[in-house]
């Protein structure tokens, strides 16, 4: 059963969040990937109290014109305080930078980065990208520059992409085994609901997410002092050119798990293992 909430924030903004699963279960904060809101969940709903959130500008959360990874972590801190203190955090795909910011700011008791998008603005990462992927990243960088210089035109671009365009882009670029997961009717209905949230407010929240994720990550890596696990499927050719090896090396004490035979849909094909690791 899903229960929806709105949390008042300073300045009159609100943060929309939801919880599914047993009310007395251990809370786990899930930060969903690109262009998806709080309708995106994983697991069978029986193990934990899964807390999902619309980042500012996504779904029912008020846009923040000055948003950064740090300010997003501050908003999440208000939610975590309501939940009773630091909680396990699972961050997927483009939400990796926000999960790391949460860990940096001390609101995660442990962090699991599952199929995390890498910091493509780091020259060491960019140099490893295959040629076609470098071309896509360069195109997205052009859009990011446009967002900074002409926000109205950029919002129009993201709104034009829309939920349908995003769905096609993900499915077209997916490994065949991942595509089978994504096209499951139950998953697809949930994904489409989350995409509608992601493109609320003319795509403002998704645009901001992309700016933050595609720019240099403003993180104090040494300040991350909680256990961190980086999970990848060995067939994942989408999220990181080296399956998170460089990313893991930058996080103090982090451990990397590469799952044989899994792809970019690892969060859904191995949900119970990931939740077990999240709650220790």
C-alpha atoms as a PDB file:
ATOM      1  CA  UNK A   1       0.000   0.000   0.000  1.00  0.00           C
ATOM      2  CA  UNK A   2       1.303   3.438  -0.951  1.00  0.00           C
ATOM      3  CA  UNK A   3       0.849   6.448   1.299  1.00  0.00           C
ATOM      4  CA  UNK A   4       1.617   9.930  -0.095  1.00  0.00           C
ATOM      5  CA  UNK A   5       2.921  12.894   1.915  1.00  0.00           C
ATOM      6  CA  UNK A   6       4.080  16.473   1.472  1.00  0.00           C
ATOM      7  CA  UNK A   7       6.845  17.899   3.677  1.00  0.00           C
ATOM      8  CA  UNK A   8       6.999  21.701   4.122  1.00  0.00           C
ATOM      9  CA  UNK A   9      10.444  23.179   3.439  1.00  0.00           C
ATOM     10  CA  UNK A  10      11.922  26.608   4.186  1.00  0.00           C
ATOM     11  CA  UNK A  11      10.823  29.326   1.773  1.00  0.00           C
ATOM     12  CA  UNK A  12       7.375  27.857   1.229  1.00  0.00           C
ATOM     13  CA  UNK A  13       8.458  24.919  -0.926  1.00  0.00           C
ATOM     14  CA  UNK A  14       7.186  21.383  -0.388  1.00  0.00           C
ATOM     15  CA  UNK A  15       8.878  18.024  -0.901  1.00  0.00           C
ATOM     16  CA  UNK A  16       6.520  15.275  -2.078  1.00  0.00           C
ATOM     17  CA  UNK A  17       7.327  11.782  -0.857  1.00  0.00           C
ATOM     18  CA  UNK A  18       5.671   8.395  -0.541  1.00  0.00           C
ATOM     19  CA  UNK A  19       6.106   5.198   1.419  1.00  0.00           C
ATOM     20  CA  UNK A  20       5.227   1.655   0.423  1.00  0.00           C
ATOM     21  CA  UNK A  21       5.502  -1.564   2.344  1.00  0.00           C
ATOM     22  CA  UNK A  22       4.931  -2.338   6.021  1.00  0.00           C
ATOM     23  CA  UNK A  23       4.641   0.778   8.176  1.00  0.00           C
ATOM     24  CA  UNK A  24       6.756  -0.824  10.880  1.00  0.00           C
ATOM     25  CA  UNK A  25       9.418  -2.065   8.453  1.00  0.00           C
ATOM     26  CA  UNK A  26      12.941  -0.618   8.373  1.00  0.00           C
ATOM     27  CA  UNK A  27      12.936   2.561   6.246  1.00  0.00           C
ATOM     28  CA  UNK A  28      15.042   2.664   3.083  1.00  0.00           C
ATOM     29  CA  UNK A  29      15.240   5.882   1.058  1.00  0.00           C
ATOM     30  CA  UNK A  30      15.233   5.223  -2.698  1.00  0.00           C
ATOM     31  CA  UNK A  31      16.464   7.865  -5.150  1.00  0.00           C
ATOM     32  CA  UNK A  32      15.190   6.909  -8.606  1.00  0.00           C
ATOM     33  CA  UNK A  33      16.984   7.464 -11.904  1.00  0.00           C
ATOM     34  CA  UNK A  34      16.642   9.927 -14.745  1.00  0.00           C
ATOM     35  CA  UNK A  35      13.280  11.635 -15.269  1.00  0.00           C
ATOM     36  CA  UNK A  36      11.417   9.473 -12.748  1.00  0.00           C
ATOM     37  CA  UNK A  37       9.546  10.452  -9.614  1.00  0.00           C
ATOM     38  CA  UNK A  38       8.273   8.743  -6.490  1.00  0.00           C
ATOM     39  CA  UNK A  39       6.126   6.198  -8.332  1.00  0.00           C
ATOM     40  CA  UNK A  40       9.331   4.340  -9.223  1.00  0.00           C
ATOM     41  CA  UNK A  41       9.858   1.530  -6.707  1.00  0.00           C
ATOM     42  CA  UNK A  42      11.599  -1.833  -6.570  1.00  0.00           C
ATOM     43  CA  UNK A  43      11.183  -5.021  -4.558  1.00  0.00           C
ATOM     44  CA  UNK A  44       7.996  -6.859  -3.649  1.00  0.00           C
ATOM     45  CA  UNK A  45       6.924  -4.403  -0.934  1.00  0.00           C
ATOM     46  CA  UNK A  46       7.098  -6.886   1.925  1.00  0.00           C
ATOM     47  CA  UNK A  47      10.617  -6.446   3.271  1.00  0.00           C
ATOM     48  CA  UNK A  48      11.110  -2.743   3.996  1.00  0.00           C
ATOM     49  CA  UNK A  49       9.303   0.564   4.281  1.00  0.00           C
ATOM     50  CA  UNK A  50      10.482   1.967   0.946  1.00  0.00           C
ATOM     51  CA  UNK A  51      10.520   5.770   0.923  1.00  0.00           C
ATOM     52  CA  UNK A  52      10.488   7.446  -2.483  1.00  0.00           C
ATOM     53  CA  UNK A  53      10.686  11.134  -3.289  1.00  0.00           C
ATOM     54  CA  UNK A  54      10.062  13.673  -6.031  1.00  0.00           C
ATOM     55  CA  UNK A  55      13.253  15.714  -6.216  1.00  0.00           C
ATOM     56  CA  UNK A  56      12.586  19.486  -6.434  1.00  0.00           C
ATOM     57  CA  UNK A  57      10.800  20.338  -9.686  1.00  0.00           C
ATOM     58  CA  UNK A  58       9.737  16.731 -10.266  1.00  0.00           C
ATOM     59  CA  UNK A  59       6.166  15.549  -9.687  1.00  0.00           C
ATOM     60  CA  UNK A  60       4.486  17.424  -6.832  1.00  0.00           C
ATOM     61  CA  UNK A  61       7.697  18.876  -5.354  1.00  0.00           C
ATOM     62  CA  UNK A  62       8.189  22.622  -5.726  1.00  0.00           C
ATOM     63  CA  UNK A  63      10.963  23.626  -8.149  1.00  0.00           C
ATOM     64  CA  UNK A  64      14.099  25.166  -6.643  1.00  0.00           C
ATOM     65  CA  UNK A  65      15.699  27.639  -9.086  1.00  0.00           C
ATOM     66  CA  UNK A  66      19.010  27.438  -7.211  1.00  0.00           C
ATOM     67  CA  UNK A  67      19.163  23.677  -6.827  1.00  0.00           C
ATOM     68  CA  UNK A  68      22.454  21.804  -6.534  1.00  0.00           C
ATOM     69  CA  UNK A  69      23.470  18.373  -5.303  1.00  0.00           C
ATOM     70  CA  UNK A  70      24.115  19.931  -1.884  1.00  0.00           C
ATOM     71  CA  UNK A  71      20.757  21.717  -1.702  1.00  0.00           C
ATOM     72  CA  UNK A  72      18.995  18.526  -2.785  1.00  0.00           C
ATOM     73  CA  UNK A  73      20.760  16.721   0.060  1.00  0.00           C
ATOM     74  CA  UNK A  74      19.578  19.438   2.453  1.00  0.00           C
ATOM     75  CA  UNK A  75      15.976  18.854   1.345  1.00  0.00           C
ATOM     76  CA  UNK A  76      16.439  15.115   1.800  1.00  0.00           C
ATOM     77  CA  UNK A  77      17.894  15.788   5.266  1.00  0.00           C
ATOM     78  CA  UNK A  78      14.584  17.335   6.335  1.00  0.00           C
ATOM     79  CA  UNK A  79      12.816  14.161   5.204  1.00  0.00           C
ATOM     80  CA  UNK A  80      15.346  11.867   6.889  1.00  0.00           C
ATOM     81  CA  UNK A  81      14.917  13.817  10.142  1.00  0.00           C
ATOM     82  CA  UNK A  82      11.194  13.079   9.945  1.00  0.00           C
ATOM     83  CA  UNK A  83      12.036   9.408   9.416  1.00  0.00           C
ATOM     84  CA  UNK A  84      14.031   9.376  12.645  1.00  0.00           C
ATOM     85  CA  UNK A  85      17.617   9.853  11.625  1.00  0.00           C
ATOM     86  CA  UNK A  86      20.119   8.520   9.082  1.00  0.00           C
ATOM     87  CA  UNK A  87      18.659   5.725   6.971  1.00  0.00           C
ATOM     88  CA  UNK A  88      19.980   3.388   4.276  1.00  0.00           C
ATOM     89  CA  UNK A  89      19.926   5.057   0.853  1.00  0.00           C
ATOM     90  CA  UNK A  90      19.693   3.291  -2.510  1.00  0.00           C
ATOM     91  CA  UNK A  91      20.444   5.501  -5.530  1.00  0.00           C
ATOM     92  CA  UNK A  92      19.998   4.324  -9.106  1.00  0.00           C
ATOM     93  CA  UNK A  93      21.435   5.562 -12.405  1.00  0.00           C
ATOM     94  CA  UNK A  94      21.430   9.382 -12.720  1.00  0.00           C
ATOM     95  CA  UNK A  95      20.552   9.743  -9.026  1.00  0.00           C
ATOM     96  CA  UNK A  96      24.050   8.547  -8.030  1.00  0.00           C
ATOM     97  CA  UNK A  97      25.308  12.087  -7.469  1.00  0.00           C
ATOM     98  CA  UNK A  98      22.399  12.785  -5.103  1.00  0.00           C
ATOM     99  CA  UNK A  99      23.052   9.591  -3.177  1.00  0.00           C
ATOM    100  CA  UNK A 100      26.695  10.563  -2.783  1.00  0.00           C
ATOM    101  CA  UNK A 101      25.669  14.055  -1.631  1.00  0.00           C
ATOM    102  CA  UNK A 102      23.351  12.458   0.937  1.00  0.00           C
ATOM    103  CA  UNK A 103      26.222  10.332   2.245  1.00  0.00           C
ATOM    104  CA  UNK A 104      28.546  13.356   2.289  1.00  0.00           C
ATOM    105  CA  UNK A 105      26.018  15.284   4.396  1.00  0.00           C
ATOM    106  CA  UNK A 106      25.619  12.478   6.929  1.00  0.00           C
ATOM    107  CA  UNK A 107      21.984  11.541   6.283  1.00  0.00           C
ATOM    108  CA  UNK A 108      22.701   8.029   4.975  1.00  0.00           C
ATOM    109  CA  UNK A 109      23.542   5.225   7.379  1.00  0.00           C
ATOM    110  CA  UNK A 110      24.855   3.314   4.375  1.00  0.00           C
ATOM    111  CA  UNK A 111      24.707   3.935   0.637  1.00  0.00           C
ATOM    112  CA  UNK A 112      24.107   1.531  -2.223  1.00  0.00           C
ATOM    113  CA  UNK A 113      24.774   2.890  -5.700  1.00  0.00           C
ATOM    114  CA  UNK A 114      23.016   0.518  -8.092  1.00  0.00           C
ATOM    115  CA  UNK A 115      23.962   0.823 -11.770  1.00  0.00           C
ATOM    116  CA  UNK A 116      25.131   4.375 -11.054  1.00  0.00           C
ATOM    117  CA  UNK A 117      25.752   6.846 -13.841  1.00  0.00           C
ATOM    118  CA  UNK A 118      29.387   7.927 -13.731  1.00  0.00           C
ATOM    119  CA  UNK A 119      30.790  11.466 -13.627  1.00  0.00           C
ATOM    120  CA  UNK A 120      31.143  11.935 -17.371  1.00  0.00           C
ATOM    121  CA  UNK A 121      32.588  15.451 -16.933  1.00  0.00           C
ATOM    122  CA  UNK A 122      35.670  13.826 -15.393  1.00  0.00           C
ATOM    123  CA  UNK A 123      38.201  13.521 -18.269  1.00  0.00           C
ATOM    124  CA  UNK A 124      39.253  10.067 -17.002  1.00  0.00           C
ATOM    125  CA  UNK A 125      35.704   8.814 -17.439  1.00  0.00           C
ATOM    126  CA  UNK A 126      35.026  10.633 -20.698  1.00  0.00           C
ATOM    127  CA  UNK A 127      38.202   9.165 -22.263  1.00  0.00           C
ATOM    128  CA  UNK A 128      36.930   5.616 -21.587  1.00  0.00           C
ATOM    129  CA  UNK A 129      33.552   6.125 -23.249  1.00  0.00           C
ATOM    130  CA  UNK A 130      33.014   4.351 -26.584  1.00  0.00           C
ATOM    131  CA  UNK A 131      32.866   6.705 -29.555  1.00  0.00           C
ATOM    132  CA  UNK A 132      29.058   6.633 -30.018  1.00  0.00           C
ATOM    133  CA  UNK A 133      28.553   7.234 -26.289  1.00  0.00           C
ATOM    134  CA  UNK A 134      31.006  10.160 -26.348  1.00  0.00           C
ATOM    135  CA  UNK A 135      28.930  11.645 -29.162  1.00  0.00           C
ATOM    136  CA  UNK A 136      25.757  11.364 -27.069  1.00  0.00           C
ATOM    137  CA  UNK A 137      27.474  12.885 -24.024  1.00  0.00           C
ATOM    138  CA  UNK A 138      28.751  15.764 -26.166  1.00  0.00           C
ATOM    139  CA  UNK A 139      25.227  16.397 -27.442  1.00  0.00           C
ATOM    140  CA  UNK A 140      23.853  16.361 -23.892  1.00  0.00           C
ATOM    141  CA  UNK A 141      26.606  18.757 -22.798  1.00  0.00           C
ATOM    142  CA  UNK A 142      25.427  21.125 -25.515  1.00  0.00           C
ATOM    143  CA  UNK A 143      21.937  20.904 -24.056  1.00  0.00           C
ATOM    144  CA  UNK A 144      23.327  21.493 -20.551  1.00  0.00           C
ATOM    145  CA  UNK A 145      25.055  24.633 -21.833  1.00  0.00           C
ATOM    146  CA  UNK A 146      21.761  25.712 -23.369  1.00  0.00           C
ATOM    147  CA  UNK A 147      20.026  25.166 -20.039  1.00  0.00           C
ATOM    148  CA  UNK A 148      22.460  27.560 -18.393  1.00  0.00           C
ATOM    149  CA  UNK A 149      22.302  30.195 -21.139  1.00  0.00           C
ATOM    150  CA  UNK A 150      18.653  29.959 -22.207  1.00  0.00           C
ATOM    151  CA  UNK A 151      16.533  28.158 -19.580  1.00  0.00           C
ATOM    152  CA  UNK A 152      13.261  28.739 -21.433  1.00  0.00           C
ATOM    153  CA  UNK A 153      14.550  27.091 -24.625  1.00  0.00           C
ATOM    154  CA  UNK A 154      16.016  24.231 -22.617  1.00  0.00           C
ATOM    155  CA  UNK A 155      12.728  23.617 -20.823  1.00  0.00           C
ATOM    156  CA  UNK A 156      11.054  23.469 -24.215  1.00  0.00           C
ATOM    157  CA  UNK A 157      13.627  20.864 -25.324  1.00  0.00           C
ATOM    158  CA  UNK A 158      13.029  18.640 -22.311  1.00  0.00           C
ATOM    159  CA  UNK A 159       9.261  19.059 -22.535  1.00  0.00           C
ATOM    160  CA  UNK A 160       9.438  18.088 -26.211  1.00  0.00           C
ATOM    161  CA  UNK A 161      11.359  14.917 -25.310  1.00  0.00           C
ATOM    162  CA  UNK A 162       8.548  14.057 -22.913  1.00  0.00           C
ATOM    163  CA  UNK A 163       7.757  10.765 -21.199  1.00  0.00           C
ATOM    164  CA  UNK A 164       7.262   8.921 -24.495  1.00  0.00           C
ATOM    165  CA  UNK A 165      10.571  10.070 -25.943  1.00  0.00           C
ATOM    166  CA  UNK A 166      12.409   9.144 -22.757  1.00  0.00           C
ATOM    167  CA  UNK A 167      10.823   5.694 -22.720  1.00  0.00           C
ATOM    168  CA  UNK A 168      11.817   5.054 -26.342  1.00  0.00           C
ATOM    169  CA  UNK A 169      15.380   6.249 -25.706  1.00  0.00           C
ATOM    170  CA  UNK A 170      15.804   3.913 -22.724  1.00  0.00           C
ATOM    171  CA  UNK A 171      14.256   0.898 -24.439  1.00  0.00           C
ATOM    172  CA  UNK A 172      16.164   1.426 -27.702  1.00  0.00           C
ATOM    173  CA  UNK A 173      19.497   1.599 -25.847  1.00  0.00           C
ATOM    174  CA  UNK A 174      18.856  -1.334 -23.515  1.00  0.00           C
ATOM    175  CA  UNK A 175      20.398  -4.786 -23.618  1.00  0.00           C
ATOM    176  CA  UNK A 176      17.794  -7.313 -24.897  1.00  0.00           C
ATOM    177  CA  UNK A 177      17.568  -8.945 -21.455  1.00  0.00           C
ATOM    178  CA  UNK A 178      17.034  -5.545 -19.820  1.00  0.00           C
ATOM    179  CA  UNK A 179      14.430  -4.635 -22.411  1.00  0.00           C
ATOM    180  CA  UNK A 180      12.479  -7.730 -21.438  1.00  0.00           C
ATOM    181  CA  UNK A 181      12.399  -6.486 -17.837  1.00  0.00           C
ATOM    182  CA  UNK A 182      11.407  -2.956 -18.847  1.00  0.00           C
ATOM    183  CA  UNK A 183       8.596  -4.162 -21.113  1.00  0.00           C
ATOM    184  CA  UNK A 184       6.950  -6.286 -18.434  1.00  0.00           C
ATOM    185  CA  UNK A 185       3.408  -4.833 -18.155  1.00  0.00           C
ATOM    186  CA  UNK A 186       3.609  -4.220 -14.393  1.00  0.00           C
ATOM    187  CA  UNK A 187       7.002  -2.554 -14.633  1.00  0.00           C
ATOM    188  CA  UNK A 188       6.017  -0.517 -17.685  1.00  0.00           C
ATOM    189  CA  UNK A 189       2.885   0.873 -16.013  1.00  0.00           C
ATOM    190  CA  UNK A 190       4.938   1.930 -12.988  1.00  0.00           C
ATOM    191  CA  UNK A 191       7.705   3.391 -15.164  1.00  0.00           C
ATOM    192  CA  UNK A 192       5.252   5.434 -17.222  1.00  0.00           C
ATOM    193  CA  UNK A 193       3.658   6.860 -14.064  1.00  0.00           C
ATOM    194  CA  UNK A 194       7.115   7.810 -12.776  1.00  0.00           C
ATOM    195  CA  UNK A 195       8.006   9.417 -16.118  1.00  0.00           C
ATOM    196  CA  UNK A 196       4.878  11.563 -15.996  1.00  0.00           C
ATOM    197  CA  UNK A 197       6.123  12.822 -12.628  1.00  0.00           C
ATOM    198  CA  UNK A 198       9.592  13.324 -14.065  1.00  0.00           C
ATOM    199  CA  UNK A 199       8.319  15.594 -16.820  1.00  0.00           C
ATOM    200  CA  UNK A 200       5.986  17.655 -14.631  1.00  0.00           C
ATOM    201  CA  UNK A 201       6.616  21.412 -14.583  1.00  0.00           C
ATOM    202  CA  UNK A 202       7.683  21.350 -18.253  1.00  0.00           C
ATOM    203  CA  UNK A 203      10.612  19.070 -17.457  1.00  0.00           C
ATOM    204  CA  UNK A 204      12.236  21.611 -15.122  1.00  0.00           C
ATOM    205  CA  UNK A 205      13.233  19.041 -12.511  1.00  0.00           C
ATOM    206  CA  UNK A 206      14.618  16.601 -15.073  1.00  0.00           C
ATOM    207  CA  UNK A 207      16.556  19.413 -16.738  1.00  0.00           C
ATOM    208  CA  UNK A 208      18.100  20.400 -13.411  1.00  0.00           C
ATOM    209  CA  UNK A 209      18.932  16.786 -12.567  1.00  0.00           C
ATOM    210  CA  UNK A 210      20.725  16.487 -15.905  1.00  0.00           C
ATOM    211  CA  UNK A 211      22.700  19.704 -15.409  1.00  0.00           C
ATOM    212  CA  UNK A 212      23.940  18.479 -12.030  1.00  0.00           C
ATOM    213  CA  UNK A 213      24.690  14.946 -13.204  1.00  0.00           C
ATOM    214  CA  UNK A 214      26.439  15.966 -16.429  1.00  0.00           C
ATOM    215  CA  UNK A 215      28.524  18.751 -14.864  1.00  0.00           C
ATOM    216  CA  UNK A 216      31.537  18.277 -12.582  1.00  0.00           C
ATOM    217  CA  UNK A 217      30.294  16.803  -9.318  1.00  0.00           C
ATOM    218  CA  UNK A 218      30.831  19.250  -6.482  1.00  0.00           C
ATOM    219  CA  UNK A 219      31.458  16.619  -3.798  1.00  0.00           C
ATOM    220  CA  UNK A 220      33.832  16.360  -0.857  1.00  0.00           C
ATOM    221  CA  UNK A 221      34.659  12.711  -1.396  1.00  0.00           C
ATOM    222  CA  UNK A 222      36.719  12.487   1.815  1.00  0.00           C
ATOM    223  CA  UNK A 223      33.642  13.506   3.846  1.00  0.00           C
ATOM    224  CA  UNK A 224      31.847  10.272   2.911  1.00  0.00           C
ATOM    225  CA  UNK A 225      32.351   8.158   6.027  1.00  0.00           C
ATOM    226  CA  UNK A 226      29.532   5.615   5.795  1.00  0.00           C
ATOM    227  CA  UNK A 227      29.675   2.143   4.215  1.00  0.00           C
ATOM    228  CA  UNK A 228      29.204   2.414   0.443  1.00  0.00           C
ATOM    229  CA  UNK A 229      28.546  -0.410  -2.004  1.00  0.00           C
ATOM    230  CA  UNK A 230      28.635   0.029  -5.788  1.00  0.00           C
ATOM    231  CA  UNK A 231      26.569  -2.593  -7.632  1.00  0.00           C
ATOM    232  CA  UNK A 232      26.847  -3.349 -11.354  1.00  0.00           C
ATOM    233  CA  UNK A 233      25.744  -6.089 -13.694  1.00  0.00           C
ATOM    234  CA  UNK A 234      28.607  -7.300 -15.856  1.00  0.00           C
ATOM    235  CA  UNK A 235      26.462  -6.821 -18.987  1.00  0.00           C
ATOM    236  CA  UNK A 236      25.744  -3.164 -18.231  1.00  0.00           C
ATOM    237  CA  UNK A 237      27.045  -1.057 -21.147  1.00  0.00           C
ATOM    238  CA  UNK A 238      25.005   2.037 -20.317  1.00  0.00           C
ATOM    239  CA  UNK A 239      25.951   3.509 -16.943  1.00  0.00           C
ATOM    240  CA  UNK A 240      29.749   3.355 -16.641  1.00  0.00           C
ATOM    241  CA  UNK A 241      32.543   2.445 -19.057  1.00  0.00           C
ATOM    242  CA  UNK A 242      34.460   0.465 -16.405  1.00  0.00           C
ATOM    243  CA  UNK A 243      31.506  -0.844 -14.375  1.00  0.00           C
ATOM    244  CA  UNK A 244      32.162   1.665 -11.624  1.00  0.00           C
ATOM    245  CA  UNK A 245      35.805   0.772 -10.935  1.00  0.00           C
ATOM    246  CA  UNK A 246      37.071   4.365 -10.977  1.00  0.00           C
ATOM    247  CA  UNK A 247      33.967   5.607  -9.171  1.00  0.00           C
ATOM    248  CA  UNK A 248      34.451   3.049  -6.400  1.00  0.00           C
ATOM    249  CA  UNK A 249      38.119   3.982  -6.015  1.00  0.00           C
ATOM    250  CA  UNK A 250      37.163   7.600  -5.292  1.00  0.00           C
ATOM    251  CA  UNK A 251      34.869   6.746  -2.365  1.00  0.00           C
ATOM    252  CA  UNK A 252      36.684   6.020   0.922  1.00  0.00           C
ATOM    253  CA  UNK A 253      36.249   2.374   1.875  1.00  0.00           C
ATOM    254  CA  UNK A 254      33.712   1.614  -0.870  1.00  0.00           C
ATOM    255  CA  UNK A 255      33.197  -1.937  -2.120  1.00  0.00           C
ATOM    256  CA  UNK A 256      32.175  -2.923  -5.644  1.00  0.00           C
ATOM    257  CA  UNK A 257      29.895  -5.861  -6.494  1.00  0.00           C
ATOM    258  CA  UNK A 258      29.777  -7.000 -10.135  1.00  0.00           C
ATOM    259  CA  UNK A 259      26.935  -9.472 -10.683  1.00  0.00           C
ATOM    260  CA  UNK A 260      27.547 -12.051 -13.436  1.00  0.00           C
ATOM    261  CA  UNK A 261      24.913 -12.194 -16.146  1.00  0.00           C
ATOM    262  CA  UNK A 262      23.057  -9.073 -14.991  1.00  0.00           C
ATOM    263  CA  UNK A 263      22.609  -5.857 -16.951  1.00  0.00           C
ATOM    264  CA  UNK A 264      21.419  -2.310 -16.396  1.00  0.00           C
ATOM    265  CA  UNK A 265      18.140  -3.571 -14.925  1.00  0.00           C
ATOM    266  CA  UNK A 266      20.055  -5.007 -11.945  1.00  0.00           C
ATOM    267  CA  UNK A 267      17.936  -3.084  -9.430  1.00  0.00           C
ATOM    268  CA  UNK A 268      14.846  -5.036 -10.512  1.00  0.00           C
ATOM    269  CA  UNK A 269      16.373  -8.416 -11.359  1.00  0.00           C
ATOM    270  CA  UNK A 270      18.224  -8.581  -8.011  1.00  0.00           C
ATOM    271  CA  UNK A 271      15.944  -6.433  -5.844  1.00  0.00           C
ATOM    272  CA  UNK A 272      15.847  -8.694  -2.806  1.00  0.00           C
ATOM    273  CA  UNK A 273      19.640  -9.057  -2.657  1.00  0.00           C
ATOM    274  CA  UNK A 274      20.012  -5.287  -2.852  1.00  0.00           C
ATOM    275  CA  UNK A 275      17.418  -4.663  -0.150  1.00  0.00           C
ATOM    276  CA  UNK A 276      19.084  -7.240   2.087  1.00  0.00           C
ATOM    277  CA  UNK A 277      22.389  -5.400   1.647  1.00  0.00           C
ATOM    278  CA  UNK A 278      20.673  -2.055   2.312  1.00  0.00           C
ATOM    279  CA  UNK A 279      19.292  -3.111   5.689  1.00  0.00           C
ATOM    280  CA  UNK A 280      22.431  -5.027   6.630  1.00  0.00           C
END
